PDB file of N, CA and C in Angstrom:
ATOM      1  N   MET A   1      14.030  24.095  16.819  1.00  0.00           N
ATOM      2  CA  MET A   1      14.311  22.686  16.709  1.00  0.00           C
ATOM      3  C   MET A   1      15.777  22.528  16.311  1.00  0.00           C
ATOM      4  N   PHE A   2      16.431  21.569  16.918  1.00  0.00           N
ATOM      5  CA  PHE A   2      17.846  21.342  16.690  1.00  0.00           C
ATOM      6  C   PHE A   2      18.064  19.975  16.051  1.00  0.00           C
ATOM      7  N   CYS A   3      19.056  19.900  15.195  1.00  0.00           N
ATOM      8  CA  CYS A   3      19.425  18.642  14.538  1.00  0.00           C
ATOM      9  C   CYS A   3      20.088  17.727  15.566  1.00  0.00           C
ATOM     10  N   PRO A   4      19.627  16.461  15.677  1.00  0.00           N
ATOM     11  CA  PRO A   4      20.252  15.560  16.646  1.00  0.00           C
ATOM     12  C   PRO A   4      21.661  15.121  16.235  1.00  0.00           C
ATOM     13  N   LYS A   5      22.012  15.285  14.976  1.00  0.00           N
ATOM     14  CA  LYS A   5      23.326  14.842  14.520  1.00  0.00           C
ATOM     15  C   LYS A   5      24.393  15.924  14.688  1.00  0.00           C
ATOM     16  N   CYS A   6      24.090  17.146  14.177  1.00  0.00           N
ATOM     17  CA  CYS A   6      25.128  18.183  14.219  1.00  0.00           C
ATOM     18  C   CYS A   6      24.808  19.324  15.199  1.00  0.00           C
ATOM     19  N   GLY A   7      23.584  19.399  15.707  1.00  0.00           N
ATOM     20  CA  GLY A   7      23.220  20.419  16.675  1.00  0.00           C
ATOM     21  C   GLY A   7      22.822  21.753  16.085  1.00  0.00           C
ATOM     22  N   SER A   8      22.723  21.847  14.772  1.00  0.00           N
ATOM     23  CA  SER A   8      22.354  23.096  14.110  1.00  0.00           C
ATOM     24  C   SER A   8      20.860  23.355  14.289  1.00  0.00           C
ATOM     25  N   ASN A   9      20.493  24.650  14.293  1.00  0.00           N
ATOM     26  CA  ASN A   9      19.067  24.978  14.365  1.00  0.00           C
ATOM     27  C   ASN A   9      18.520  25.400  13.005  1.00  0.00           C
ATOM     28  N   ASN A  10      19.280  25.160  11.931  1.00  0.00           N
ATOM     29  CA  ASN A  10      18.846  25.443  10.568  1.00  0.00           C
ATOM     30  C   ASN A  10      18.113  24.208  10.035  1.00  0.00           C
ATOM     31  N   VAL A  11      16.867  24.015  10.494  1.00  0.00           N
ATOM     32  CA  VAL A  11      16.093  22.813  10.196  1.00  0.00           C
ATOM     33  C   VAL A  11      14.790  23.217   9.529  1.00  0.00           C
ATOM     34  N   ARG A  12      14.416  22.501   8.484  1.00  0.00           N
ATOM     35  CA  ARG A  12      13.129  22.715   7.818  1.00  0.00           C
ATOM     36  C   ARG A  12      12.256  21.487   8.029  1.00  0.00           C
ATOM     37  N   ILE A  13      10.960  21.739   8.162  1.00  0.00           N
ATOM     38  CA  ILE A  13      10.002  20.663   8.355  1.00  0.00           C
ATOM     39  C   ILE A  13       9.189  20.535   7.084  1.00  0.00           C
ATOM     40  N   GLN A  14       9.034  19.291   6.604  1.00  0.00           N
ATOM     41  CA  GLN A  14       8.294  19.022   5.379  1.00  0.00           C
ATOM     42  C   GLN A  14       7.193  18.011   5.682  1.00  0.00           C
ATOM     43  N   VAL A  15       6.062  18.187   4.988  1.00  0.00           N
ATOM     44  CA  VAL A  15       4.976  17.214   5.061  1.00  0.00           C
ATOM     45  C   VAL A  15       5.008  16.428   3.760  1.00  0.00           C
ATOM     46  N   ILE A  16       5.155  15.115   3.863  1.00  0.00           N
ATOM     47  CA  ILE A  16       5.272  14.245   2.696  1.00  0.00           C
ATOM     48  C   ILE A  16       4.029  13.375   2.618  1.00  0.00           C
ATOM     49  N   ASN A  17       3.432  13.290   1.430  1.00  0.00           N
ATOM     50  CA  ASN A  17       2.261  12.462   1.199  1.00  0.00           C
ATOM     51  C   ASN A  17       2.704  11.171   0.524  1.00  0.00           C
ATOM     52  N   GLU A  18       2.443  10.026   1.171  1.00  0.00           N
ATOM     53  CA  GLU A  18       2.774   8.724   0.613  1.00  0.00           C
ATOM     54  C   GLU A  18       1.491   8.047   0.159  1.00  0.00           C
ATOM     55  N   THR A  19       1.510   7.470  -1.036  1.00  0.00           N
ATOM     56  CA  THR A  19       0.383   6.713  -1.552  1.00  0.00           C
ATOM     57  C   THR A  19       0.800   5.258  -1.667  1.00  0.00           C
ATOM     58  N   ILE A  20       0.035   4.389  -1.026  1.00  0.00           N
ATOM     59  CA  ILE A  20       0.324   2.963  -1.028  1.00  0.00           C
ATOM     60  C   ILE A  20      -0.858   2.245  -1.667  1.00  0.00           C
ATOM     61  N   LEU A  21      -0.582   1.321  -2.591  1.00  0.00           N
ATOM     62  CA  LEU A  21      -1.636   0.530  -3.211  1.00  0.00           C
ATOM     63  C   LEU A  21      -1.777  -0.787  -2.454  1.00  0.00           C
ATOM     64  N   LYS A  22      -2.986  -1.069  -2.004  1.00  0.00           N
ATOM     65  CA  LYS A  22      -3.260  -2.312  -1.305  1.00  0.00           C
ATOM     66  C   LYS A  22      -4.241  -3.125  -2.137  1.00  0.00           C
ATOM     67  N   ASN A  23      -3.992  -4.420  -2.234  1.00  0.00           N
ATOM     68  CA  ASN A  23      -4.897  -5.300  -2.958  1.00  0.00           C
ATOM     69  C   ASN A  23      -6.098  -5.624  -2.084  1.00  0.00           C
ATOM     70  N   LYS A  24      -7.273  -5.590  -2.703  1.00  0.00           N
ATOM     71  CA  LYS A  24      -8.477  -5.965  -1.975  1.00  0.00           C
ATOM     72  C   LYS A  24      -8.622  -7.479  -2.029  1.00  0.00           C
ATOM     73  N   HIS A  25      -8.961  -8.065  -0.916  1.00  0.00           N
ATOM     74  CA  HIS A  25      -9.153  -9.500  -0.826  1.00  0.00           C
ATOM     75  C   HIS A  25     -10.541  -9.774  -0.273  1.00  0.00           C
ATOM     76  N   HIS A  26     -11.021 -10.981  -0.528  1.00  0.00           N
ATOM     77  CA  HIS A  26     -12.297 -11.371   0.051  1.00  0.00           C
ATOM     78  C   HIS A  26     -12.117 -11.638   1.537  1.00  0.00           C
ATOM     79  N   GLY A  27     -13.187 -11.421   2.287  1.00  0.00           N
ATOM     80  CA  GLY A  27     -13.151 -11.637   3.714  1.00  0.00           C
ATOM     81  C   GLY A  27     -13.303 -13.098   4.086  1.00  0.00           C
ATOM     82  N   ILE A  28     -13.175 -13.366   5.367  1.00  0.00           N
ATOM     83  CA  ILE A  28     -13.240 -14.743   5.869  1.00  0.00           C
ATOM     84  C   ILE A  28     -14.627 -15.350   5.678  1.00  0.00           C
ATOM     85  N   LEU A  29     -15.681 -14.532   5.815  1.00  0.00           N
ATOM     86  CA  LEU A  29     -17.033 -15.066   5.620  1.00  0.00           C
ATOM     87  C   LEU A  29     -17.258 -15.493   4.183  1.00  0.00           C
ATOM     88  N   TRP A  30     -16.726 -14.742   3.223  1.00  0.00           N
ATOM     89  CA  TRP A  30     -16.875 -15.123   1.815  1.00  0.00           C
ATOM     90  C   TRP A  30     -16.198 -16.466   1.571  1.00  0.00           C
ATOM     91  N   TRP A  31     -14.999 -16.649   2.123  1.00  0.00           N
ATOM     92  CA  TRP A  31     -14.292 -17.909   1.923  1.00  0.00           C
ATOM     93  C   TRP A  31     -14.988 -19.072   2.624  1.00  0.00           C
ATOM     94  N   LEU A  32     -15.601 -18.831   3.780  1.00  0.00           N
ATOM     95  CA  LEU A  32     -16.277 -19.912   4.490  1.00  0.00           C
ATOM     96  C   LEU A  32     -17.546 -20.373   3.782  1.00  0.00           C
ATOM     97  N   PHE A  33     -18.307 -19.418   3.222  1.00  0.00           N
ATOM     98  CA  PHE A  33     -19.600 -19.771   2.654  1.00  0.00           C
ATOM     99  C   PHE A  33     -19.595 -19.932   1.136  1.00  0.00           C
ATOM    100  N   ILE A  34     -18.748 -19.227   0.422  1.00  0.00           N
ATOM    101  CA  ILE A  34     -18.800 -19.247  -1.035  1.00  0.00           C
ATOM    102  C   ILE A  34     -17.477 -19.696  -1.649  1.00  0.00           C
ATOM    103  N   GLY A  35     -16.393 -19.157  -1.218  1.00  0.00           N
ATOM    104  CA  GLY A  35     -15.106 -19.344  -1.877  1.00  0.00           C
ATOM    105  C   GLY A  35     -14.602 -20.764  -1.908  1.00  0.00           C
ATOM    106  N   TRP A  36     -14.844 -21.538  -0.883  1.00  0.00           N
ATOM    107  CA  TRP A  36     -14.303 -22.887  -0.823  1.00  0.00           C
ATOM    108  C   TRP A  36     -14.873 -23.776  -1.911  1.00  0.00           C
ATOM    109  N   TRP A  37     -16.090 -23.503  -2.381  1.00  0.00           N
ATOM    110  CA  TRP A  37     -16.640 -24.302  -3.472  1.00  0.00           C
ATOM    111  C   TRP A  37     -16.637 -23.555  -4.796  1.00  0.00           C
ATOM    112  N   TRP A  38     -16.703 -22.233  -4.791  1.00  0.00           N
ATOM    113  CA  TRP A  38     -16.794 -21.487  -6.038  1.00  0.00           C
ATOM    114  C   TRP A  38     -15.481 -21.501  -6.818  1.00  0.00           C
ATOM    115  N   VAL A  39     -14.358 -21.329  -6.168  1.00  0.00           N
ATOM    116  CA  VAL A  39     -13.076 -21.268  -6.865  1.00  0.00           C
ATOM    117  C   VAL A  39     -12.761 -22.587  -7.575  1.00  0.00           C
ATOM    118  N   PRO A  40     -12.893 -23.753  -6.935  1.00  0.00           N
ATOM    119  CA  PRO A  40     -12.649 -25.009  -7.686  1.00  0.00           C
ATOM    120  C   PRO A  40     -13.647 -25.225  -8.825  1.00  0.00           C
ATOM    121  N   VAL A  41     -14.934 -24.895  -8.605  1.00  0.00           N
ATOM    122  CA  VAL A  41     -15.934 -25.049  -9.672  1.00  0.00           C
ATOM    123  C   VAL A  41     -15.602 -24.145 -10.844  1.00  0.00           C
ATOM    124  N   LYS A  42     -15.199 -22.923 -10.547  1.00  0.00           N
ATOM    125  CA  LYS A  42     -14.848 -21.981 -11.615  1.00  0.00           C
ATOM    126  C   LYS A  42     -13.670 -22.507 -12.434  1.00  0.00           C
ATOM    127  N   TRP A  43     -12.646 -23.027 -11.786  1.00  0.00           N
ATOM    128  CA  TRP A  43     -11.475 -23.501 -12.525  1.00  0.00           C
ATOM    129  C   TRP A  43     -11.754 -24.813 -13.264  1.00  0.00           C
ATOM    130  N   ILE A  44     -12.636 -25.660 -12.749  1.00  0.00           N
ATOM    131  CA  ILE A  44     -12.929 -26.918 -13.439  1.00  0.00           C
ATOM    132  C   ILE A  44     -13.827 -26.689 -14.651  1.00  0.00           C
ATOM    133  N   PHE A  45     -14.910 -25.929 -14.489  1.00  0.00           N
ATOM    134  CA  PHE A  45     -15.891 -25.784 -15.558  1.00  0.00           C
ATOM    135  C   PHE A  45     -15.693 -24.550 -16.433  1.00  0.00           C
ATOM    136  N   LEU A  46     -15.002 -23.564 -15.938  1.00  0.00           N
ATOM    137  CA  LEU A  46     -14.828 -22.316 -16.682  1.00  0.00           C
ATOM    138  C   LEU A  46     -13.351 -21.970 -16.852  1.00  0.00           C
ATOM    139  N   THR A  47     -12.543 -22.941 -17.196  1.00  0.00           N
ATOM    140  CA  THR A  47     -11.100 -22.731 -17.229  1.00  0.00           C
ATOM    141  C   THR A  47     -10.692 -21.643 -18.215  1.00  0.00           C
ATOM    142  N   ILE A  48     -11.149 -21.724 -19.448  1.00  0.00           N
ATOM    143  CA  ILE A  48     -10.751 -20.743 -20.467  1.00  0.00           C
ATOM    144  C   ILE A  48     -11.256 -19.343 -20.099  1.00  0.00           C
ATOM    145  N   PRO A  49     -12.550 -19.154 -19.771  1.00  0.00           N
ATOM    146  CA  PRO A  49     -12.982 -17.805 -19.372  1.00  0.00           C
ATOM    147  C   PRO A  49     -12.284 -17.310 -18.101  1.00  0.00           C
ATOM    148  N   ALA A  50     -11.994 -18.220 -17.173  1.00  0.00           N
ATOM    149  CA  ALA A  50     -11.315 -17.811 -15.951  1.00  0.00           C
ATOM    150  C   ALA A  50      -9.886 -17.350 -16.257  1.00  0.00           C
ATOM    151  N   LEU A  51      -9.205 -18.036 -17.154  1.00  0.00           N
ATOM    152  CA  LEU A  51      -7.857 -17.613 -17.533  1.00  0.00           C
ATOM    153  C   LEU A  51      -7.894 -16.266 -18.253  1.00  0.00           C
ATOM    154  N   LEU A  52      -8.851 -16.070 -19.142  1.00  0.00           N
ATOM    155  CA  LEU A  52      -8.979 -14.791 -19.834  1.00  0.00           C
ATOM    156  C   LEU A  52      -9.305 -13.673 -18.850  1.00  0.00           C
ATOM    157  N   ALA A  53     -10.155 -13.951 -17.870  1.00  0.00           N
ATOM    158  CA  ALA A  53     -10.494 -12.946 -16.861  1.00  0.00           C
ATOM    159  C   ALA A  53      -9.265 -12.605 -16.022  1.00  0.00           C
ATOM    160  N   LYS A  54      -8.459 -13.604 -15.669  1.00  0.00           N
ATOM    161  CA  LYS A  54      -7.237 -13.357 -14.887  1.00  0.00           C
ATOM    162  C   LYS A  54      -6.267 -12.463 -15.658  1.00  0.00           C
ATOM    163  N   ILE A  55      -6.226 -12.646 -16.984  1.00  0.00           N
ATOM    164  CA  ILE A  55      -5.281 -11.889 -17.798  1.00  0.00           C
ATOM    165  C   ILE A  55      -5.760 -10.459 -18.019  1.00  0.00           C
ATOM    166  N   PHE A  56      -7.038 -10.287 -18.375  1.00  0.00           N
ATOM    167  CA  PHE A  56      -7.504  -8.992 -18.843  1.00  0.00           C
ATOM    168  C   PHE A  56      -8.200  -8.128 -17.796  1.00  0.00           C
ATOM    169  N   ILE A  57      -8.713  -8.702 -16.729  1.00  0.00           N
ATOM    170  CA  ILE A  57      -9.363  -7.902 -15.691  1.00  0.00           C
ATOM    171  C   ILE A  57      -8.294  -7.502 -14.673  1.00  0.00           C
ATOM    172  N   PRO A  58      -8.129  -6.210 -14.425  1.00  0.00           N
ATOM    173  CA  PRO A  58      -7.070  -5.779 -13.502  1.00  0.00           C
ATOM    174  C   PRO A  58      -7.384  -6.174 -12.058  1.00  0.00           C
ATOM    175  N   LYS A  59      -6.327  -6.190 -11.247  1.00  0.00           N
ATOM    176  CA  LYS A  59      -6.501  -6.489  -9.830  1.00  0.00           C
ATOM    177  C   LYS A  59      -7.239  -5.342  -9.154  1.00  0.00           C
ATOM    178  N   ARG A  60      -8.020  -5.697  -8.175  1.00  0.00           N
ATOM    179  CA  ARG A  60      -8.724  -4.673  -7.407  1.00  0.00           C
ATOM    180  C   ARG A  60      -7.754  -4.113  -6.382  1.00  0.00           C
ATOM    181  N   GLN A  61      -7.485  -2.821  -6.511  1.00  0.00           N
ATOM    182  CA  GLN A  61      -6.551  -2.187  -5.592  1.00  0.00           C
ATOM    183  C   GLN A  61      -7.174  -0.938  -4.991  1.00  0.00           C
ATOM    184  N   LYS A  62      -6.731  -0.641  -3.797  1.00  0.00           N
ATOM    185  CA  LYS A  62      -7.211   0.525  -3.075  1.00  0.00           C
ATOM    186  C   LYS A  62      -6.012   1.413  -2.765  1.00  0.00           C
ATOM    187  N   ALA A  63      -6.147   2.706  -3.060  1.00  0.00           N
ATOM    188  CA  ALA A  63      -5.071   3.649  -2.767  1.00  0.00           C
ATOM    189  C   ALA A  63      -5.253   4.188  -1.348  1.00  0.00           C
ATOM    190  N   VAL A  64      -4.204   4.078  -0.551  1.00  0.00           N
ATOM    191  CA  VAL A  64      -4.217   4.562   0.823  1.00  0.00           C
ATOM    192  C   VAL A  64      -3.209   5.702   0.916  1.00  0.00           C
ATOM    193  N   ASN A  65      -3.682   6.883   1.290  1.00  0.00           N
ATOM    194  CA  ASN A  65      -2.804   8.048   1.446  1.00  0.00           C
ATOM    195  C   ASN A  65      -2.419   8.211   2.906  1.00  0.00           C
ATOM    196  N   ARG A  66      -1.147   8.544   3.113  1.00  0.00           N
ATOM    197  CA  ARG A  66      -0.629   8.735   4.457  1.00  0.00           C
ATOM    198  C   ARG A  66       0.307   9.937   4.436  1.00  0.00           C
ATOM    199  N   THR A  67       0.149  10.832   5.388  1.00  0.00           N
ATOM    200  CA  THR A  67       1.039  11.989   5.458  1.00  0.00           C
ATOM    201  C   THR A  67       2.039  11.788   6.591  1.00  0.00           C
ATOM    202  N   ILE A  68       3.277  12.173   6.314  1.00  0.00           N
ATOM    203  CA  ILE A  68       4.368  12.032   7.276  1.00  0.00           C
ATOM    204  C   ILE A  68       5.067  13.376   7.395  1.00  0.00           C
ATOM    205  N   LYS A  69       5.410  13.756   8.617  1.00  0.00           N
ATOM    206  CA  LYS A  69       6.195  14.968   8.836  1.00  0.00           C
ATOM    207  C   LYS A  69       7.653  14.562   9.016  1.00  0.00           C
ATOM    208  N   LYS A  70       8.518  15.186   8.233  1.00  0.00           N
ATOM    209  CA  LYS A  70       9.947  14.925   8.340  1.00  0.00           C
ATOM    210  C   LYS A  70      10.673  16.245   8.527  1.00  0.00           C
ATOM    211  N   ALA A  71      11.713  16.195   9.301  1.00  0.00           N
ATOM    212  CA  ALA A  71      12.571  17.356   9.497  1.00  0.00           C
ATOM    213  C   ALA A  71      13.876  17.099   8.754  1.00  0.00           C
ATOM    214  N   VAL A  72      14.374  18.148   8.082  1.00  0.00           N
ATOM    215  CA  VAL A  72      15.606  18.040   7.308  1.00  0.00           C
ATOM    216  C   VAL A  72      16.568  19.126   7.776  1.00  0.00           C
ATOM    217  N   CYS A  73      17.754  18.719   8.178  1.00  0.00           N
ATOM    218  CA  CYS A  73      18.788  19.678   8.562  1.00  0.00           C
ATOM    219  C   CYS A  73      19.400  20.258   7.291  1.00  0.00           C
ATOM    220  N   GLN A  74      19.460  21.572   7.209  1.00  0.00           N
ATOM    221  CA  GLN A  74      19.996  22.233   6.024  1.00  0.00           C
ATOM    222  C   GLN A  74      21.519  22.258   6.012  1.00  0.00           C
ATOM    223  N   ASN A  75      22.152  21.983   7.131  1.00  0.00           N
ATOM    224  CA  ASN A  75      23.611  21.984   7.184  1.00  0.00           C
ATOM    225  C   ASN A  75      24.206  20.627   6.835  1.00  0.00           C
ATOM    226  N   CYS A  76      23.711  19.563   7.480  1.00  0.00           N
ATOM    227  CA  CYS A  76      24.325  18.245   7.271  1.00  0.00           C
ATOM    228  C   CYS A  76      23.466  17.316   6.412  1.00  0.00           C
ATOM    229  N   GLY A  77      22.181  17.640   6.189  1.00  0.00           N
ATOM    230  CA  GLY A  77      21.322  16.810   5.354  1.00  0.00           C
ATOM    231  C   GLY A  77      20.655  15.658   6.068  1.00  0.00           C
ATOM    232  N   TYR A  78      20.801  15.595   7.373  1.00  0.00           N
ATOM    233  CA  TYR A  78      20.189  14.515   8.161  1.00  0.00           C
ATOM    234  C   TYR A  78      18.670  14.687   8.188  1.00  0.00           C
ATOM    235  N   THR A  79      17.910  13.582   8.013  1.00  0.00           N
ATOM    236  CA  THR A  79      16.449  13.638   8.073  1.00  0.00           C
ATOM    237  C   THR A  79      15.952  12.732   9.178  1.00  0.00           C
ATOM    238  N   TRP A  80      14.841  13.119   9.813  1.00  0.00           N
ATOM    239  CA  TRP A  80      14.229  12.307  10.855  1.00  0.00           C
ATOM    240  C   TRP A  80      12.735  12.607  10.898  1.00  0.00           C
ATOM    241  N   ASP A  81      11.983  11.632  11.422  1.00  0.00           N
ATOM    242  CA  ASP A  81      10.532  11.777  11.556  1.00  0.00           C
ATOM    243  C   ASP A  81      10.205  12.606  12.783  1.00  0.00           C
ATOM    244  N   ILE A  82       9.107  13.323  12.678  1.00  0.00           N
ATOM    245  CA  ILE A  82       8.649  14.139  13.807  1.00  0.00           C
ATOM    246  C   ILE A  82       7.437  13.463  14.413  1.00  0.00           C
TER     247      ILE A  82
END
């Protein structure tokens, strides 16, 4: 493999693991059947408990792992995806 920038064949390939946090959200069916009335009712009648829940209950998040192959030229330091 040759570097596209300098043409050297002194190239190393690395596998990089990326972790991305994504917030979980309710689906469209939940909002159509439950969410449109539940959220206003919760804030009108349960304001204090709802505020405490917003503060102390963490957000629902999902970790998504993704692996990427990158090549690194050892002469010039140029990196590119494979």
